[in-house]
Amino acid sequence: MAGTIRVQKIRSIIGRPEKHRKIMESLGLRKTQQIRELPDNPSVRGMVNKVIHLVRVLEE
């Protein structure tokens, strides 16, 4: 895998497990509707898949 993916936070982390909060912090997503461009590698993909109900992947 090469390149980058764009990830947008679409839901709040209020009431979510601590594990999900830490993943969102690691991805650099703090505010709702915030978009981050992240490297497309297996570790980032794994984190995104854990919180897929809180984020939207804008580019594949």
C-alpha atoms as a PDB file:
ATOM      1  CA  MET A   1       0.000   0.000   0.000  1.00  0.00           C
ATOM      2  CA  ALA A   2       1.267   3.445  -0.820  1.00  0.00           C
ATOM      3  CA  GLY A   3       0.026   6.981  -0.739  1.00  0.00           C
ATOM      4  CA  THR A   4      -2.391   8.559   1.676  1.00  0.00           C
ATOM      5  CA  ILE A   5      -5.998   8.273   2.767  1.00  0.00           C
ATOM      6  CA  ARG A   6      -8.262  11.064   3.987  1.00  0.00           C
ATOM      7  CA  VAL A   7     -10.268  10.334   7.121  1.00  0.00           C
ATOM      8  CA  GLN A   8     -13.080  12.527   8.483  1.00  0.00           C
ATOM      9  CA  LYS A   9     -14.458  12.364  12.026  1.00  0.00           C
ATOM     10  CA  ILE A  10     -18.252  12.162  11.793  1.00  0.00           C
ATOM     11  CA  ARG A  11     -19.327  11.250  15.340  1.00  0.00           C
ATOM     12  CA  SER A  12     -18.468  12.328  18.871  1.00  0.00           C
ATOM     13  CA  ILE A  13     -16.413  10.149  21.213  1.00  0.00           C
ATOM     14  CA  ILE A  14     -18.587  11.045  24.211  1.00  0.00           C
ATOM     15  CA  GLY A  15     -19.678   7.827  25.892  1.00  0.00           C
ATOM     16  CA  ARG A  16     -17.290   5.688  23.838  1.00  0.00           C
ATOM     17  CA  PRO A  17     -14.796   3.235  25.364  1.00  0.00           C
ATOM     18  CA  GLU A  18     -11.361   4.536  26.344  1.00  0.00           C
ATOM     19  CA  LYS A  19      -9.802   2.347  23.643  1.00  0.00           C
ATOM     20  CA  HIS A  20     -11.750   4.202  20.934  1.00  0.00           C
ATOM     21  CA  ARG A  21     -10.799   7.573  22.436  1.00  0.00           C
ATOM     22  CA  LYS A  22      -7.099   6.683  22.303  1.00  0.00           C
ATOM     23  CA  ILE A  23      -7.373   5.505  18.701  1.00  0.00           C
ATOM     24  CA  MET A  24      -9.052   8.767  17.666  1.00  0.00           C
ATOM     25  CA  GLU A  25      -6.309  10.718  19.443  1.00  0.00           C
ATOM     26  CA  SER A  26      -3.648   8.653  17.650  1.00  0.00           C
ATOM     27  CA  LEU A  27      -5.285   9.421  14.314  1.00  0.00           C
ATOM     28  CA  GLY A  28      -5.189  13.123  15.212  1.00  0.00           C
ATOM     29  CA  LEU A  29      -8.961  13.559  15.008  1.00  0.00           C
ATOM     30  CA  ARG A  30     -10.221  15.914  17.707  1.00  0.00           C
ATOM     31  CA  LYS A  31     -13.170  17.895  16.362  1.00  0.00           C
ATOM     32  CA  THR A  32     -16.244  16.624  14.556  1.00  0.00           C
ATOM     33  CA  GLN A  33     -16.030  17.104  10.759  1.00  0.00           C
ATOM     34  CA  GLN A  34     -12.222  17.405  10.994  1.00  0.00           C
ATOM     35  CA  ILE A  35     -10.360  15.824   8.068  1.00  0.00           C
ATOM     36  CA  ARG A  36      -6.852  14.359   8.316  1.00  0.00           C
ATOM     37  CA  GLU A  37      -4.650  13.029   5.552  1.00  0.00           C
ATOM     38  CA  LEU A  38      -2.844   9.954   6.866  1.00  0.00           C
ATOM     39  CA  PRO A  39      -0.332   7.516   5.377  1.00  0.00           C
ATOM     40  CA  ASP A  40      -1.968   4.487   3.803  1.00  0.00           C
ATOM     41  CA  ASN A  41      -0.321   1.647   5.710  1.00  0.00           C
ATOM     42  CA  PRO A  42      -1.582  -1.413   7.611  1.00  0.00           C
ATOM     43  CA  SER A  43      -1.319   0.197  11.066  1.00  0.00           C
ATOM     44  CA  VAL A  44      -3.422   3.231  10.094  1.00  0.00           C
ATOM     45  CA  ARG A  45      -5.924   1.009   8.249  1.00  0.00           C
ATOM     46  CA  GLY A  46      -6.247  -1.147  11.380  1.00  0.00           C
ATOM     47  CA  MET A  47      -6.934   1.878  13.585  1.00  0.00           C
ATOM     48  CA  VAL A  48      -9.518   3.215  11.128  1.00  0.00           C
ATOM     49  CA  ASN A  49     -11.262  -0.179  11.005  1.00  0.00           C
ATOM     50  CA  LYS A  50     -11.550  -0.221  14.830  1.00  0.00           C
ATOM     51  CA  VAL A  51     -13.432   3.123  14.828  1.00  0.00           C
ATOM     52  CA  ILE A  52     -15.143   2.885  11.421  1.00  0.00           C
ATOM     53  CA  HIS A  53     -18.474   3.780  13.092  1.00  0.00           C
ATOM     54  CA  LEU A  54     -16.977   7.162  14.128  1.00  0.00           C
ATOM     55  CA  VAL A  55     -15.141   8.119  10.920  1.00  0.00           C
ATOM     56  CA  ARG A  56     -15.591   8.265   7.156  1.00  0.00           C
ATOM     57  CA  VAL A  57     -12.835   7.343   4.684  1.00  0.00           C
ATOM     58  CA  LEU A  58     -12.956   9.916   1.885  1.00  0.00           C
ATOM     59  CA  GLU A  59     -10.396   8.382  -0.507  1.00  0.00           C
ATOM     60  CA  GLU A  60      -9.222   4.845  -1.105  1.00  0.00           C
END
